């Protein structure tokens, strides 16, 4: 079975930094596209960042460009989201997603991804 497990969420103040991790199992990790999405209360799940199987291509939502960095360590079967200069509107449940289609655009919408983690809460207060 495929499992994605997020960790690293928590409550921080505006301007702080936080790093999320997503550990994958049941996949050939080096052969999957990975992405982070987030869902705030009362809103739909939206794309945050994506990364190709090799890590040579990354994409970001406009709202996090320059503040967030997605990376992956294929030896550890883990993808990361380094978040800096956090803002209250970054508050959401953050989910990692994976797909085995290597042709999938890393900016693909949520419905294109086949595997999902359970989410980790990030709360940013002012």
N, C-alpha and C. Protein backbone atom coordinates (compact mmCIF):
# COMPACT_ATOMS: atom_id res chain seq x y z
N UNK A 1 0.83 -1.19 0.00
CA UNK A 1 0.00 0.00 0.00
C UNK A 1 0.87 1.25 0.00
N UNK A 2 0.40 2.28 -0.69
CA UNK A 2 1.11 3.54 -0.75
C UNK A 2 0.71 4.38 0.46
N UNK A 3 1.72 4.92 1.14
CA UNK A 3 1.47 5.80 2.28
C UNK A 3 2.34 7.04 2.15
N UNK A 4 1.72 8.19 2.36
CA UNK A 4 2.41 9.46 2.45
C UNK A 4 2.09 10.05 3.81
N UNK A 5 3.11 10.40 4.57
CA UNK A 5 2.92 10.88 5.93
C UNK A 5 3.60 12.23 6.09
N UNK A 6 2.79 13.27 6.29
CA UNK A 6 3.32 14.61 6.50
C UNK A 6 3.67 14.82 7.97
N UNK A 7 4.63 15.70 8.20
CA UNK A 7 5.00 16.10 9.54
C UNK A 7 5.62 17.48 9.50
N UNK A 8 5.77 18.09 10.66
CA UNK A 8 6.44 19.38 10.76
C UNK A 8 5.52 20.58 10.92
N UNK A 9 4.23 20.36 10.86
CA UNK A 9 3.31 21.47 11.04
C UNK A 9 3.28 21.94 12.48
N UNK A 10 2.66 23.08 12.69
CA UNK A 10 2.57 23.64 14.03
C UNK A 10 2.03 25.05 14.00
N UNK A 11 2.10 25.70 15.14
CA UNK A 11 1.63 27.08 15.29
C UNK A 11 2.82 28.01 15.44
N UNK A 12 2.89 29.02 14.58
CA UNK A 12 3.98 29.98 14.58
C UNK A 12 3.42 31.38 14.43
N UNK A 13 4.28 32.36 14.60
CA UNK A 13 3.90 33.75 14.40
C UNK A 13 4.30 34.23 13.02
N UNK A 14 3.62 35.25 12.55
CA UNK A 14 3.94 35.83 11.25
C UNK A 14 5.42 36.20 11.18
N UNK A 15 6.03 35.88 10.04
CA UNK A 15 7.44 36.12 9.84
C UNK A 15 8.33 34.95 10.17
N UNK A 16 7.80 33.97 10.87
CA UNK A 16 8.58 32.79 11.24
C UNK A 16 8.73 31.83 10.07
N UNK A 17 9.54 30.80 10.28
CA UNK A 17 9.78 29.77 9.29
C UNK A 17 9.36 28.41 9.82
N UNK A 18 9.09 27.50 8.90
CA UNK A 18 8.69 26.16 9.26
C UNK A 18 9.05 25.24 8.10
N UNK A 19 9.46 24.03 8.40
CA UNK A 19 9.75 23.05 7.35
C UNK A 19 8.85 21.83 7.51
N UNK A 20 8.13 21.53 6.45
CA UNK A 20 7.30 20.35 6.41
C UNK A 20 8.04 19.21 5.71
N UNK A 21 7.75 18.00 6.14
CA UNK A 21 8.31 16.81 5.52
C UNK A 21 7.19 15.86 5.14
N UNK A 22 7.43 15.09 4.11
CA UNK A 22 6.49 14.06 3.69
C UNK A 22 7.29 12.81 3.37
N UNK A 23 7.11 11.79 4.17
CA UNK A 23 7.79 10.51 3.97
C UNK A 23 6.89 9.57 3.19
N UNK A 24 7.43 8.97 2.15
CA UNK A 24 6.67 8.11 1.27
C UNK A 24 7.09 6.65 1.42
N UNK A 25 6.14 5.76 1.27
CA UNK A 25 6.42 4.34 1.24
C UNK A 25 5.47 3.68 0.26
N UNK A 26 5.84 2.51 -0.23
CA UNK A 26 5.02 1.81 -1.19
C UNK A 26 5.15 2.32 -2.60
N UNK A 27 6.10 3.20 -2.85
CA UNK A 27 6.35 3.78 -4.16
C UNK A 27 7.82 3.64 -4.51
N UNK A 28 8.08 3.61 -5.81
CA UNK A 28 9.44 3.85 -6.27
C UNK A 28 9.61 5.35 -6.30
N UNK A 29 10.12 5.91 -5.22
CA UNK A 29 10.04 7.34 -4.99
C UNK A 29 10.69 8.15 -6.09
N UNK A 30 11.79 7.67 -6.63
CA UNK A 30 12.48 8.42 -7.67
C UNK A 30 11.70 8.48 -8.97
N UNK A 31 10.62 7.74 -9.09
CA UNK A 31 9.81 7.71 -10.30
C UNK A 31 8.46 8.39 -10.13
N UNK A 32 8.33 9.27 -9.15
CA UNK A 32 7.06 9.94 -8.93
C UNK A 32 7.23 11.45 -8.92
N UNK A 33 6.21 12.11 -9.44
CA UNK A 33 6.07 13.55 -9.29
C UNK A 33 5.46 13.82 -7.92
N UNK A 34 5.97 14.82 -7.23
CA UNK A 34 5.49 15.16 -5.90
C UNK A 34 5.02 16.61 -5.87
N UNK A 35 4.07 16.88 -5.00
CA UNK A 35 3.56 18.24 -4.87
C UNK A 35 3.02 18.46 -3.47
N UNK A 36 2.90 19.72 -3.12
CA UNK A 36 2.24 20.14 -1.89
C UNK A 36 1.00 20.95 -2.26
N UNK A 37 -0.08 20.67 -1.55
CA UNK A 37 -1.31 21.43 -1.65
C UNK A 37 -1.69 21.90 -0.25
N UNK A 38 -2.59 22.87 -0.19
CA UNK A 38 -3.09 23.31 1.10
C UNK A 38 -4.58 23.62 1.00
N UNK A 39 -5.25 23.48 2.12
CA UNK A 39 -6.68 23.73 2.17
C UNK A 39 -7.00 24.49 3.45
N UNK A 40 -7.47 25.70 3.28
CA UNK A 40 -7.89 26.54 4.40
C UNK A 40 -9.35 26.28 4.71
N UNK A 41 -9.80 26.59 5.92
CA UNK A 41 -11.20 26.36 6.28
C UNK A 41 -12.17 27.03 5.30
N UNK A 42 -13.14 26.26 4.83
CA UNK A 42 -14.15 26.78 3.93
C UNK A 42 -13.69 26.99 2.51
N UNK A 43 -12.47 26.57 2.17
CA UNK A 43 -11.95 26.77 0.83
C UNK A 43 -11.56 25.44 0.20
N UNK A 44 -11.35 25.46 -1.11
CA UNK A 44 -10.93 24.28 -1.83
C UNK A 44 -9.43 24.05 -1.66
N UNK A 45 -9.02 22.83 -1.98
CA UNK A 45 -7.61 22.48 -1.92
C UNK A 45 -6.88 23.09 -3.11
N UNK A 46 -5.81 23.83 -2.83
CA UNK A 46 -5.09 24.56 -3.87
C UNK A 46 -3.63 24.14 -3.94
N UNK A 47 -3.09 24.23 -5.13
CA UNK A 47 -1.69 23.93 -5.38
C UNK A 47 -0.78 24.92 -4.67
N UNK A 48 0.30 24.41 -4.08
CA UNK A 48 1.31 25.24 -3.43
C UNK A 48 2.65 25.14 -4.15
N UNK A 49 3.14 23.93 -4.34
CA UNK A 49 4.44 23.72 -4.98
C UNK A 49 4.50 22.32 -5.53
N UNK A 50 5.28 22.14 -6.59
CA UNK A 50 5.46 20.83 -7.19
C UNK A 50 6.90 20.62 -7.61
N UNK A 51 7.29 19.36 -7.73
CA UNK A 51 8.66 19.03 -8.08
C UNK A 51 8.67 17.77 -8.94
N UNK A 52 9.51 17.78 -9.96
CA UNK A 52 9.62 16.64 -10.86
C UNK A 52 10.32 15.48 -10.18
N UNK A 53 10.32 14.34 -10.87
CA UNK A 53 10.88 13.12 -10.27
C UNK A 53 12.36 13.29 -9.90
N UNK A 54 13.09 14.05 -10.70
CA UNK A 54 14.52 14.22 -10.48
C UNK A 54 14.85 15.45 -9.63
N UNK A 55 13.85 16.31 -9.43
CA UNK A 55 14.08 17.54 -8.71
C UNK A 55 14.58 18.68 -9.57
N UNK A 56 14.70 18.45 -10.88
CA UNK A 56 15.25 19.48 -11.75
C UNK A 56 14.22 20.52 -12.17
N UNK A 57 12.96 20.29 -11.87
CA UNK A 57 11.92 21.26 -12.19
C UNK A 57 11.05 21.48 -10.97
N UNK A 58 10.87 22.73 -10.60
CA UNK A 58 9.99 23.09 -9.49
C UNK A 58 9.07 24.21 -9.93
N UNK A 59 7.88 24.24 -9.37
CA UNK A 59 6.90 25.27 -9.65
C UNK A 59 6.23 25.68 -8.34
N UNK A 60 5.78 26.94 -8.29
CA UNK A 60 5.18 27.47 -7.08
C UNK A 60 3.95 28.30 -7.41
N UNK A 61 3.01 28.29 -6.48
CA UNK A 61 1.91 29.22 -6.57
C UNK A 61 2.44 30.64 -6.41
N UNK A 62 1.79 31.59 -7.07
CA UNK A 62 2.25 32.97 -6.99
C UNK A 62 2.31 33.48 -5.55
N UNK A 63 1.39 33.04 -4.73
CA UNK A 63 1.30 33.53 -3.36
C UNK A 63 2.47 33.10 -2.48
N UNK A 64 3.21 32.07 -2.89
CA UNK A 64 4.33 31.58 -2.07
C UNK A 64 5.66 31.73 -2.78
N UNK A 65 5.66 32.18 -4.01
CA UNK A 65 6.90 32.34 -4.77
C UNK A 65 7.87 33.24 -4.03
N UNK A 66 9.10 32.77 -3.88
CA UNK A 66 10.12 33.53 -3.18
C UNK A 66 10.17 33.29 -1.69
N UNK A 67 9.12 32.68 -1.13
CA UNK A 67 9.08 32.40 0.30
C UNK A 67 9.19 30.91 0.61
N UNK A 68 8.62 30.08 -0.25
CA UNK A 68 8.62 28.63 -0.03
C UNK A 68 9.58 27.96 -0.99
N UNK A 69 10.18 26.86 -0.55
CA UNK A 69 11.06 26.06 -1.38
C UNK A 69 10.70 24.59 -1.24
N UNK A 70 10.42 23.94 -2.36
CA UNK A 70 10.17 22.51 -2.35
C UNK A 70 11.45 21.79 -2.77
N UNK A 71 11.73 20.68 -2.12
CA UNK A 71 12.90 19.89 -2.46
C UNK A 71 12.59 18.42 -2.17
N UNK A 72 13.44 17.55 -2.67
CA UNK A 72 13.24 16.13 -2.41
C UNK A 72 14.58 15.44 -2.21
N UNK A 73 14.56 14.42 -1.39
CA UNK A 73 15.72 13.58 -1.16
C UNK A 73 15.29 12.16 -1.52
N UNK A 74 15.65 11.73 -2.71
CA UNK A 74 15.20 10.43 -3.17
C UNK A 74 15.83 9.28 -2.40
N UNK A 75 16.99 9.52 -1.78
CA UNK A 75 17.61 8.49 -0.96
C UNK A 75 16.83 8.26 0.33
N UNK A 76 16.11 9.28 0.79
CA UNK A 76 15.31 9.18 2.00
C UNK A 76 13.82 9.04 1.73
N UNK A 77 13.44 9.00 0.46
CA UNK A 77 12.03 8.90 0.07
C UNK A 77 11.20 9.99 0.74
N UNK A 78 11.73 11.20 0.71
CA UNK A 78 11.09 12.30 1.43
C UNK A 78 11.09 13.57 0.58
N UNK A 79 9.98 14.29 0.63
CA UNK A 79 9.88 15.60 0.01
C UNK A 79 9.68 16.62 1.12
N UNK A 80 10.23 17.81 0.92
CA UNK A 80 10.20 18.86 1.93
C UNK A 80 9.55 20.11 1.37
N UNK A 81 9.01 20.90 2.28
CA UNK A 81 8.55 22.24 1.95
C UNK A 81 9.09 23.19 3.00
N UNK A 82 10.11 23.96 2.63
CA UNK A 82 10.66 24.96 3.52
C UNK A 82 9.86 26.25 3.34
N UNK A 83 9.25 26.71 4.40
CA UNK A 83 8.39 27.88 4.37
C UNK A 83 9.02 28.99 5.19
N UNK A 84 9.22 30.14 4.57
CA UNK A 84 9.80 31.29 5.23
C UNK A 84 8.86 32.49 5.14
N UNK A 85 9.08 33.43 6.03
CA UNK A 85 8.27 34.65 6.10
C UNK A 85 6.79 34.28 6.04
N UNK A 86 6.39 33.41 6.93
CA UNK A 86 5.01 32.94 6.95
C UNK A 86 4.04 34.07 7.27
N UNK A 87 2.88 34.00 6.67
CA UNK A 87 1.84 35.00 6.84
C UNK A 87 0.58 34.32 7.35
N UNK A 88 -0.30 35.08 8.00
CA UNK A 88 -1.54 34.47 8.48
C UNK A 88 -2.35 33.78 7.39
N UNK A 89 -2.31 34.28 6.16
CA UNK A 89 -3.06 33.63 5.09
C UNK A 89 -2.40 32.35 4.58
N UNK A 90 -1.26 31.97 5.15
CA UNK A 90 -0.69 30.66 4.89
C UNK A 90 -1.32 29.58 5.77
N UNK A 91 -2.14 29.97 6.72
CA UNK A 91 -2.78 29.02 7.61
C UNK A 91 -3.67 28.06 6.83
N UNK A 92 -3.42 26.77 6.99
CA UNK A 92 -4.15 25.75 6.25
C UNK A 92 -3.68 24.38 6.70
N UNK A 93 -4.39 23.36 6.26
CA UNK A 93 -3.87 22.01 6.33
C UNK A 93 -3.06 21.77 5.06
N UNK A 94 -1.84 21.32 5.23
CA UNK A 94 -0.94 21.08 4.10
C UNK A 94 -0.87 19.59 3.81
N UNK A 95 -1.06 19.24 2.55
CA UNK A 95 -1.06 17.86 2.10
C UNK A 95 0.05 17.64 1.07
N UNK A 96 0.71 16.50 1.15
CA UNK A 96 1.59 16.12 0.06
C UNK A 96 0.87 15.14 -0.84
N UNK A 97 1.25 15.16 -2.09
CA UNK A 97 0.61 14.33 -3.10
C UNK A 97 1.68 13.74 -4.01
N UNK A 98 1.37 12.57 -4.57
CA UNK A 98 2.30 11.89 -5.46
C UNK A 98 1.56 11.29 -6.64
N UNK A 99 2.26 11.19 -7.74
CA UNK A 99 1.71 10.52 -8.91
C UNK A 99 2.82 9.85 -9.68
N UNK A 100 2.54 8.66 -10.20
CA UNK A 100 3.53 7.88 -10.91
C UNK A 100 3.63 8.23 -12.39
N UNK A 101 2.79 9.11 -12.87
CA UNK A 101 2.86 9.55 -14.26
C UNK A 101 3.94 10.62 -14.37
N UNK A 102 5.08 10.25 -14.93
CA UNK A 102 6.20 11.17 -15.02
C UNK A 102 5.97 12.30 -16.01
N UNK A 103 4.92 12.17 -16.84
CA UNK A 103 4.57 13.24 -17.75
C UNK A 103 3.62 14.25 -17.13
N UNK A 104 3.16 13.99 -15.92
CA UNK A 104 2.24 14.89 -15.25
C UNK A 104 2.92 16.22 -14.96
N UNK A 105 2.26 17.30 -15.35
CA UNK A 105 2.77 18.63 -15.04
C UNK A 105 2.81 18.83 -13.53
N UNK A 106 3.91 19.36 -13.03
CA UNK A 106 4.04 19.53 -11.58
C UNK A 106 3.09 20.58 -11.04
N UNK A 107 2.44 21.35 -11.92
CA UNK A 107 1.41 22.30 -11.53
C UNK A 107 0.01 21.73 -11.74
N UNK A 108 -0.11 20.44 -11.94
CA UNK A 108 -1.40 19.82 -12.18
C UNK A 108 -2.33 20.03 -11.00
N UNK A 109 -3.65 20.09 -11.27
CA UNK A 109 -4.61 20.26 -10.19
C UNK A 109 -4.69 19.02 -9.30
N UNK A 110 -5.33 19.17 -8.17
CA UNK A 110 -5.35 18.12 -7.17
C UNK A 110 -5.91 16.80 -7.70
N UNK A 111 -6.94 16.88 -8.55
CA UNK A 111 -7.58 15.65 -9.00
C UNK A 111 -6.68 14.78 -9.86
N UNK A 112 -5.60 15.33 -10.37
CA UNK A 112 -4.68 14.56 -11.20
C UNK A 112 -3.75 13.66 -10.38
N UNK A 113 -3.61 13.93 -9.09
CA UNK A 113 -2.70 13.16 -8.24
C UNK A 113 -3.41 11.97 -7.63
N UNK A 114 -2.76 10.82 -7.67
CA UNK A 114 -3.38 9.58 -7.24
C UNK A 114 -3.21 9.28 -5.76
N UNK A 115 -2.16 9.79 -5.13
CA UNK A 115 -1.85 9.44 -3.75
C UNK A 115 -1.73 10.68 -2.90
N UNK A 116 -2.25 10.58 -1.67
CA UNK A 116 -2.30 11.72 -0.77
C UNK A 116 -1.96 11.32 0.66
N UNK A 117 -1.32 12.25 1.36
CA UNK A 117 -1.11 12.09 2.78
C UNK A 117 -2.31 12.57 3.58
N UNK A 118 -2.22 12.46 4.89
CA UNK A 118 -3.34 12.81 5.76
C UNK A 118 -3.39 14.29 6.10
N UNK A 119 -2.32 15.01 5.82
CA UNK A 119 -2.27 16.43 6.08
C UNK A 119 -1.62 16.79 7.40
N UNK A 120 -1.05 17.98 7.46
CA UNK A 120 -0.49 18.52 8.69
C UNK A 120 -0.89 19.98 8.81
N UNK A 121 -1.32 20.37 9.99
CA UNK A 121 -1.86 21.71 10.21
C UNK A 121 -0.74 22.73 10.39
N UNK A 122 -0.86 23.84 9.67
CA UNK A 122 0.02 24.99 9.85
C UNK A 122 -0.86 26.18 10.23
N UNK A 123 -0.56 26.79 11.36
CA UNK A 123 -1.31 27.94 11.83
C UNK A 123 -0.34 29.10 12.05
N UNK A 124 -0.62 30.23 11.42
CA UNK A 124 0.24 31.40 11.51
C UNK A 124 -0.57 32.54 12.11
N UNK A 125 -0.13 33.04 13.24
CA UNK A 125 -0.82 34.12 13.92
C UNK A 125 -0.06 35.43 13.75
N UNK A 126 -0.78 36.52 13.79
CA UNK A 126 -0.18 37.83 13.64
C UNK A 126 0.21 38.42 14.98
